[in-house]
Amino acid sequence: MDWIRSIDRRTALKRLGSLCGGVVVTSTAVAAGSGESAEPARSNDPDEGGSDGGSGPRPTAYPAAVDRIVDGEHVVILLEDDGRVVDERVVPSDDYPWLEEGDRVIVVLDDGELRFVAPDPR
């Protein structure tokens, strides 16, 4: 069992976050390059769990930067669009212990609610 080495929680979360972020970005890039949507087909039929009219808000991904960590309790993340800061989110540092000041991340919002934070693979 020499090949198994223990890793700390921060390292495990960083690796998991990198893997998840890479999968999201890669699948989006592949779908965009092929002209297909990365979103699965959705039904508007209420009997199939869809809405009865129009499409609702969709999740939106933003490039972002970790601006600062306040008192070790809160992480301030600045969301960007075309290189400009468009929003700020403050999250508990316990929820994202792998985040550090200056980290570049991808943030996914769904109907204004934070759903996902992953390291930016770029």
N, C-alpha and C. Protein backbone atom coordinates (compact mmCIF):
# COMPACT_ATOMS: atom_id res chain seq x y z
N MET A 1 0.80 -1.19 0.00
CA MET A 1 0.00 0.00 0.00
C MET A 1 0.85 1.26 0.00
N ASP A 2 2.10 1.16 -0.43
CA ASP A 2 2.96 2.34 -0.48
C ASP A 2 2.47 3.35 -1.50
N TRP A 3 1.72 2.91 -2.49
CA TRP A 3 1.27 3.81 -3.54
C TRP A 3 0.14 4.71 -3.08
N ILE A 4 -0.48 4.38 -1.95
CA ILE A 4 -1.54 5.23 -1.41
C ILE A 4 -0.90 6.22 -0.45
N ARG A 5 -1.08 7.51 -0.74
CA ARG A 5 -0.57 8.51 0.18
C ARG A 5 -1.75 9.36 0.64
N SER A 6 -1.68 9.81 1.84
CA SER A 6 -2.79 10.62 2.34
C SER A 6 -2.61 12.06 1.86
N ILE A 7 -3.73 12.69 1.58
CA ILE A 7 -3.71 14.09 1.19
C ILE A 7 -4.63 14.85 2.12
N ASP A 8 -4.33 16.12 2.32
CA ASP A 8 -5.18 16.89 3.21
C ASP A 8 -6.46 17.31 2.49
N ARG A 9 -7.38 17.81 3.26
CA ARG A 9 -8.70 18.17 2.72
C ARG A 9 -8.60 19.26 1.65
N ARG A 10 -7.76 20.27 1.88
CA ARG A 10 -7.62 21.38 0.93
C ARG A 10 -7.13 20.87 -0.42
N THR A 11 -6.14 19.98 -0.42
CA THR A 11 -5.61 19.43 -1.67
C THR A 11 -6.68 18.62 -2.39
N ALA A 12 -7.41 17.82 -1.64
CA ALA A 12 -8.47 17.01 -2.25
C ALA A 12 -9.55 17.89 -2.88
N LEU A 13 -9.94 18.95 -2.17
CA LEU A 13 -10.96 19.85 -2.71
C LEU A 13 -10.46 20.62 -3.92
N LYS A 14 -9.20 21.03 -3.91
CA LYS A 14 -8.63 21.72 -5.08
C LYS A 14 -8.65 20.81 -6.30
N ARG A 15 -8.23 19.57 -6.11
CA ARG A 15 -8.20 18.64 -7.24
C ARG A 15 -9.60 18.35 -7.75
N LEU A 16 -10.53 18.14 -6.83
CA LEU A 16 -11.91 17.88 -7.22
C LEU A 16 -12.50 19.08 -7.95
N GLY A 17 -12.24 20.28 -7.43
CA GLY A 17 -12.73 21.50 -8.07
C GLY A 17 -12.13 21.68 -9.45
N SER A 18 -10.84 21.39 -9.59
CA SER A 18 -10.19 21.51 -10.90
C SER A 18 -10.80 20.53 -11.90
N LEU A 19 -11.04 19.32 -11.45
CA LEU A 19 -11.64 18.32 -12.31
C LEU A 19 -13.04 18.73 -12.75
N CYS A 20 -13.86 19.17 -11.80
CA CYS A 20 -15.24 19.59 -12.12
C CYS A 20 -15.23 20.80 -13.05
N GLY A 21 -14.38 21.77 -12.77
CA GLY A 21 -14.30 22.96 -13.61
C GLY A 21 -13.86 22.62 -15.01
N GLY A 22 -12.90 21.72 -15.14
CA GLY A 22 -12.42 21.31 -16.46
C GLY A 22 -13.49 20.60 -17.25
N VAL A 23 -14.28 19.77 -16.58
CA VAL A 23 -15.35 19.04 -17.26
C VAL A 23 -16.42 20.01 -17.74
N VAL A 24 -16.81 20.97 -16.90
CA VAL A 24 -17.84 21.94 -17.29
C VAL A 24 -17.37 22.78 -18.47
N VAL A 25 -16.16 23.32 -18.37
CA VAL A 25 -15.64 24.18 -19.44
C VAL A 25 -15.42 23.38 -20.71
N THR A 26 -14.86 22.18 -20.61
CA THR A 26 -14.60 21.36 -21.78
C THR A 26 -15.90 20.97 -22.48
N SER A 27 -16.89 20.53 -21.72
CA SER A 27 -18.15 20.12 -22.36
C SER A 27 -18.84 21.30 -23.01
N THR A 28 -18.74 22.48 -22.41
CA THR A 28 -19.34 23.67 -23.01
C THR A 28 -18.61 24.04 -24.28
N ALA A 29 -17.28 23.98 -24.26
CA ALA A 29 -16.49 24.33 -25.44
C ALA A 29 -16.74 23.34 -26.58
N VAL A 30 -16.82 22.07 -26.26
CA VAL A 30 -17.07 21.06 -27.29
C VAL A 30 -18.44 21.27 -27.90
N ALA A 31 -19.45 21.52 -27.07
CA ALA A 31 -20.80 21.73 -27.59
C ALA A 31 -20.86 23.00 -28.43
N ALA A 32 -20.19 24.06 -27.99
CA ALA A 32 -20.21 25.31 -28.75
C ALA A 32 -19.50 25.13 -30.08
N GLY A 33 -18.42 24.36 -30.09
CA GLY A 33 -17.67 24.14 -31.32
C GLY A 33 -18.43 23.28 -32.32
N SER A 34 -19.29 22.42 -31.83
CA SER A 34 -20.04 21.55 -32.74
C SER A 34 -21.37 22.16 -33.16
N GLY A 35 -21.68 23.34 -32.61
CA GLY A 35 -22.94 23.99 -32.96
C GLY A 35 -24.12 23.46 -32.18
N GLU A 36 -23.87 22.57 -31.24
CA GLU A 36 -24.95 22.04 -30.43
C GLU A 36 -24.96 22.75 -29.09
N SER A 37 -26.08 22.71 -28.43
CA SER A 37 -26.20 23.30 -27.11
C SER A 37 -25.64 22.35 -26.07
N ALA A 38 -24.98 22.90 -25.06
CA ALA A 38 -24.48 22.09 -23.96
C ALA A 38 -25.62 21.71 -23.02
N GLU A 39 -26.75 22.38 -23.16
CA GLU A 39 -27.91 22.10 -22.33
C GLU A 39 -28.68 20.91 -22.91
N PRO A 40 -29.18 20.03 -22.06
CA PRO A 40 -30.02 18.95 -22.58
C PRO A 40 -31.33 19.54 -23.10
N ALA A 41 -31.94 18.82 -24.02
CA ALA A 41 -33.22 19.28 -24.56
C ALA A 41 -34.24 19.33 -23.43
N ARG A 42 -35.00 20.41 -23.38
CA ARG A 42 -36.00 20.57 -22.34
C ARG A 42 -37.38 20.64 -22.98
N SER A 43 -38.31 20.06 -22.30
CA SER A 43 -39.69 20.08 -22.79
C SER A 43 -40.44 21.23 -22.14
N ASN A 44 -41.31 21.88 -22.89
CA ASN A 44 -42.19 22.89 -22.33
C ASN A 44 -43.53 22.30 -21.93
N ASP A 45 -43.67 21.00 -22.08
CA ASP A 45 -44.91 20.32 -21.72
C ASP A 45 -44.98 20.17 -20.20
N PRO A 46 -46.01 20.76 -19.54
CA PRO A 46 -46.11 20.65 -18.09
C PRO A 46 -46.18 19.21 -17.60
N ASP A 47 -46.71 18.30 -18.43
CA ASP A 47 -46.79 16.90 -18.03
C ASP A 47 -45.41 16.25 -17.94
N GLU A 48 -44.43 16.85 -18.60
CA GLU A 48 -43.07 16.31 -18.58
C GLU A 48 -42.16 17.14 -17.69
N GLY A 49 -42.74 17.94 -16.81
CA GLY A 49 -41.94 18.73 -15.88
C GLY A 49 -41.51 20.08 -16.42
N GLY A 50 -41.95 20.44 -17.62
CA GLY A 50 -41.60 21.73 -18.19
C GLY A 50 -42.61 22.79 -17.83
N SER A 51 -42.34 24.02 -18.23
CA SER A 51 -43.29 25.10 -17.99
C SER A 51 -44.27 25.14 -19.15
N ASP A 52 -45.37 25.84 -18.93
CA ASP A 52 -46.37 25.88 -19.98
C ASP A 52 -46.14 26.99 -21.00
N GLY A 53 -45.17 27.82 -20.79
CA GLY A 53 -44.91 28.87 -21.76
C GLY A 53 -43.48 29.37 -21.65
N GLY A 54 -42.87 29.71 -22.76
CA GLY A 54 -41.53 30.31 -22.79
C GLY A 54 -40.52 29.60 -21.93
N SER A 55 -39.30 29.99 -22.09
CA SER A 55 -38.27 29.39 -21.27
C SER A 55 -37.95 30.33 -20.12
N GLY A 56 -37.72 29.77 -18.96
CA GLY A 56 -37.39 30.55 -17.77
C GLY A 56 -35.92 30.93 -17.78
N PRO A 57 -35.50 31.59 -16.73
CA PRO A 57 -34.09 31.96 -16.65
C PRO A 57 -33.20 30.72 -16.67
N ARG A 58 -32.08 30.84 -17.34
CA ARG A 58 -31.14 29.72 -17.42
C ARG A 58 -29.94 30.02 -16.53
N PRO A 59 -29.26 28.99 -16.08
CA PRO A 59 -28.03 29.22 -15.32
C PRO A 59 -27.03 29.99 -16.17
N THR A 60 -26.30 30.88 -15.53
CA THR A 60 -25.32 31.71 -16.22
C THR A 60 -23.97 31.56 -15.54
N ALA A 61 -22.93 31.33 -16.35
CA ALA A 61 -21.57 31.20 -15.82
C ALA A 61 -20.83 32.52 -16.00
N TYR A 62 -20.12 32.93 -14.96
CA TYR A 62 -19.34 34.16 -15.00
C TYR A 62 -17.89 33.86 -14.63
N PRO A 63 -16.94 34.46 -15.34
CA PRO A 63 -15.57 34.42 -14.84
C PRO A 63 -15.54 35.32 -13.61
N ALA A 64 -14.74 34.95 -12.63
CA ALA A 64 -14.72 35.73 -11.39
C ALA A 64 -13.36 35.64 -10.73
N ALA A 65 -13.17 36.51 -9.75
CA ALA A 65 -11.92 36.54 -9.00
C ALA A 65 -12.24 36.62 -7.52
N VAL A 66 -11.46 35.89 -6.72
CA VAL A 66 -11.59 35.99 -5.28
C VAL A 66 -10.88 37.28 -4.88
N ASP A 67 -11.65 38.26 -4.42
CA ASP A 67 -11.10 39.56 -4.08
C ASP A 67 -10.41 39.54 -2.72
N ARG A 68 -11.11 39.00 -1.72
CA ARG A 68 -10.52 38.97 -0.38
C ARG A 68 -11.25 37.96 0.49
N ILE A 69 -10.60 37.62 1.58
CA ILE A 69 -11.20 36.76 2.59
C ILE A 69 -11.29 37.61 3.86
N VAL A 70 -12.49 37.78 4.37
CA VAL A 70 -12.73 38.67 5.50
C VAL A 70 -12.77 37.88 6.80
N ASP A 71 -11.84 38.18 7.69
CA ASP A 71 -11.78 37.56 9.02
C ASP A 71 -11.78 36.04 8.99
N GLY A 72 -11.35 35.45 7.88
CA GLY A 72 -11.32 34.00 7.76
C GLY A 72 -12.70 33.37 7.72
N GLU A 73 -13.75 34.20 7.65
CA GLU A 73 -15.12 33.69 7.69
C GLU A 73 -15.88 33.84 6.39
N HIS A 74 -15.57 34.89 5.62
CA HIS A 74 -16.30 35.17 4.39
C HIS A 74 -15.34 35.36 3.23
N VAL A 75 -15.75 34.87 2.06
CA VAL A 75 -14.97 35.03 0.84
C VAL A 75 -15.75 35.97 -0.08
N VAL A 76 -15.08 37.04 -0.54
CA VAL A 76 -15.70 38.00 -1.44
C VAL A 76 -15.26 37.66 -2.86
N ILE A 77 -16.24 37.35 -3.72
CA ILE A 77 -15.97 36.96 -5.11
C ILE A 77 -16.55 38.03 -6.02
N LEU A 78 -15.72 38.55 -6.93
CA LEU A 78 -16.16 39.57 -7.89
C LEU A 78 -16.46 38.90 -9.22
N LEU A 79 -17.71 39.01 -9.69
CA LEU A 79 -18.14 38.44 -10.97
C LEU A 79 -17.86 39.44 -12.07
N GLU A 80 -17.40 38.95 -13.21
CA GLU A 80 -17.00 39.82 -14.31
C GLU A 80 -17.77 39.50 -15.59
N ASP A 81 -17.86 40.51 -16.44
CA ASP A 81 -18.42 40.35 -17.78
C ASP A 81 -17.65 41.30 -18.68
N ASP A 82 -17.00 40.79 -19.70
CA ASP A 82 -16.15 41.58 -20.59
C ASP A 82 -15.09 42.35 -19.81
N GLY A 83 -14.52 41.72 -18.79
CA GLY A 83 -13.44 42.33 -18.03
C GLY A 83 -13.88 43.36 -17.01
N ARG A 84 -15.19 43.59 -16.89
CA ARG A 84 -15.70 44.56 -15.92
C ARG A 84 -16.41 43.83 -14.79
N VAL A 85 -16.27 44.34 -13.57
CA VAL A 85 -16.96 43.75 -12.43
C VAL A 85 -18.44 44.11 -12.54
N VAL A 86 -19.30 43.07 -12.53
CA VAL A 86 -20.74 43.28 -12.67
C VAL A 86 -21.52 42.89 -11.42
N ASP A 87 -20.89 42.15 -10.52
CA ASP A 87 -21.59 41.73 -9.31
C ASP A 87 -20.56 41.26 -8.29
N GLU A 88 -21.01 41.17 -7.06
CA GLU A 88 -20.16 40.70 -5.97
C GLU A 88 -20.96 39.69 -5.16
N ARG A 89 -20.34 38.59 -4.83
CA ARG A 89 -20.98 37.58 -3.98
C ARG A 89 -20.10 37.35 -2.77
N VAL A 90 -20.73 37.23 -1.61
CA VAL A 90 -20.02 36.92 -0.38
C VAL A 90 -20.51 35.56 0.08
N VAL A 91 -19.58 34.62 0.24
CA VAL A 91 -19.93 33.26 0.62
C VAL A 91 -19.16 32.87 1.88
N PRO A 92 -19.71 31.96 2.68
CA PRO A 92 -18.98 31.51 3.86
C PRO A 92 -17.70 30.76 3.45
N SER A 93 -16.60 31.08 4.10
CA SER A 93 -15.34 30.42 3.74
C SER A 93 -15.38 28.93 4.07
N ASP A 94 -16.22 28.52 5.02
CA ASP A 94 -16.34 27.10 5.33
C ASP A 94 -16.93 26.31 4.16
N ASP A 95 -17.75 26.96 3.32
CA ASP A 95 -18.33 26.29 2.16
C ASP A 95 -17.33 26.10 1.04
N TYR A 96 -16.31 26.96 0.98
CA TYR A 96 -15.30 26.92 -0.08
C TYR A 96 -13.90 27.08 0.52
N PRO A 97 -13.46 26.10 1.33
CA PRO A 97 -12.18 26.25 2.03
C PRO A 97 -10.97 26.27 1.10
N TRP A 98 -11.12 25.85 -0.13
CA TRP A 98 -10.01 25.81 -1.08
C TRP A 98 -9.76 27.15 -1.75
N LEU A 99 -10.67 28.12 -1.57
CA LEU A 99 -10.48 29.43 -2.20
C LEU A 99 -9.45 30.26 -1.46
N GLU A 100 -8.62 30.95 -2.24
CA GLU A 100 -7.62 31.85 -1.69
C GLU A 100 -7.69 33.18 -2.43
N GLU A 101 -7.23 34.25 -1.79
CA GLU A 101 -7.24 35.56 -2.43
C GLU A 101 -6.49 35.50 -3.75
N GLY A 102 -7.08 36.11 -4.78
CA GLY A 102 -6.46 36.15 -6.10
C GLY A 102 -6.81 34.99 -7.00
N ASP A 103 -7.48 33.96 -6.47
CA ASP A 103 -7.87 32.81 -7.31
C ASP A 103 -8.83 33.26 -8.40
N ARG A 104 -8.68 32.68 -9.58
CA ARG A 104 -9.62 32.88 -10.69
C ARG A 104 -10.58 31.70 -10.66
N VAL A 105 -11.87 31.98 -10.73
CA VAL A 105 -12.88 30.93 -10.64
C VAL A 105 -13.99 31.17 -11.68
N ILE A 106 -14.80 30.14 -11.86
CA ILE A 106 -16.02 30.23 -12.65
C ILE A 106 -17.17 30.12 -11.66
N VAL A 107 -18.11 31.06 -11.72
CA VAL A 107 -19.26 31.06 -10.82
C VAL A 107 -20.52 30.87 -11.65
N VAL A 108 -21.37 29.95 -11.24
CA VAL A 108 -22.63 29.71 -11.93
C VAL A 108 -23.77 30.20 -11.05
N LEU A 109 -24.58 31.10 -11.63
CA LEU A 109 -25.77 31.61 -10.95
C LEU A 109 -27.00 31.05 -11.66
N ASP A 110 -27.98 30.66 -10.88
CA ASP A 110 -29.25 30.19 -11.42
C ASP A 110 -30.35 31.02 -10.78
N ASP A 111 -31.01 31.84 -11.58
CA ASP A 111 -32.06 32.73 -11.08
C ASP A 111 -31.53 33.62 -9.95
N GLY A 112 -30.29 34.07 -10.10
CA GLY A 112 -29.66 34.96 -9.14
C GLY A 112 -29.03 34.28 -7.94
N GLU A 113 -29.23 32.99 -7.80
CA GLU A 113 -28.67 32.23 -6.68
C GLU A 113 -27.37 31.56 -7.08
N LEU A 114 -26.38 31.62 -6.21
CA LEU A 114 -25.10 30.96 -6.46
C LEU A 114 -25.30 29.45 -6.41
N ARG A 115 -24.92 28.76 -7.47
CA ARG A 115 -25.08 27.31 -7.54
C ARG A 115 -23.77 26.56 -7.55
N PHE A 116 -22.70 27.18 -8.08
CA PHE A 116 -21.48 26.42 -8.31
C PHE A 116 -20.29 27.37 -8.39
N VAL A 117 -19.20 26.99 -7.76
CA VAL A 117 -17.93 27.72 -7.89
C VAL A 117 -16.86 26.69 -8.20
N ALA A 118 -16.10 26.93 -9.26
CA ALA A 118 -15.04 26.00 -9.66
C ALA A 118 -13.82 26.80 -10.09
N PRO A 119 -12.63 26.23 -9.91
CA PRO A 119 -11.43 26.92 -10.38
C PRO A 119 -11.49 27.15 -11.88
N ASP A 120 -11.01 28.30 -12.32
CA ASP A 120 -10.94 28.60 -13.75
C ASP A 120 -9.70 27.90 -14.29
N PRO A 121 -9.87 26.97 -15.23
CA PRO A 121 -8.73 26.18 -15.71
C PRO A 121 -7.75 26.98 -16.57
N ARG A 122 -8.09 28.19 -16.93
CA ARG A 122 -7.18 28.99 -17.76
C ARG A 122 -6.05 29.53 -16.98
